[in-house]
Amino acid sequence: MTIKTYDSLLILLMFFGSVACGGTDDGQSQQSACAVETRADTYVQGLEKSGETLSLRLLDAQPAPPEVGNNEWVFEVSDRSGLVTSATVSVKPWMPDHGHGTTPLYLDATPPDTGSSYRLGPMDLFMPGYWTLTFEIEHQSVREEIVFGFCLEG
């Protein structure tokens, strides 16, 4: 065989090897990935997570559970004394497996005008896979991070 033949054979092997490993993009591979994702929280209305002194409770999500595309959340923040209405909350949506987030990287939640509910969104979770949403909460002299993780099917 000539060198050109070896080069052609190598290119064909690389092509067919990548196609064989890649599978089809019919959504089944992502659904399977989410089915076995162990880091993800299961979305339920009222899902709550706590830091050392602050807690965050998801009251509503549109869509629910979170999906690829624009998402909006309503949540409450509390401390040991009760509901907090004067916190500053920024959220960083991030895909740790891909090493990127959204644009913009941080989103600011809208504090309550009345009542105790903060609003977030729309945030564009633009692709399927595992997303973390790190809520950076500042209240009085306390600064904490609370992380939710969801796997979005494609």
Foldseek 3Di string as FASTA:
>chain_A
DDPVVVVVVVVVVVVVVVDVVVDDDPLPVLVVVQVPDPQADQDDAQDKDDDPFKIKTWHDKVVPPDAAFWMKTKMWMAGPVGTDQPKWKKKAKDAVVVGDTFVVRIWTWATDPDDGIIMTDRTHNHDFAKIKIWIFIDDDPDTDIDIHIHTHGD
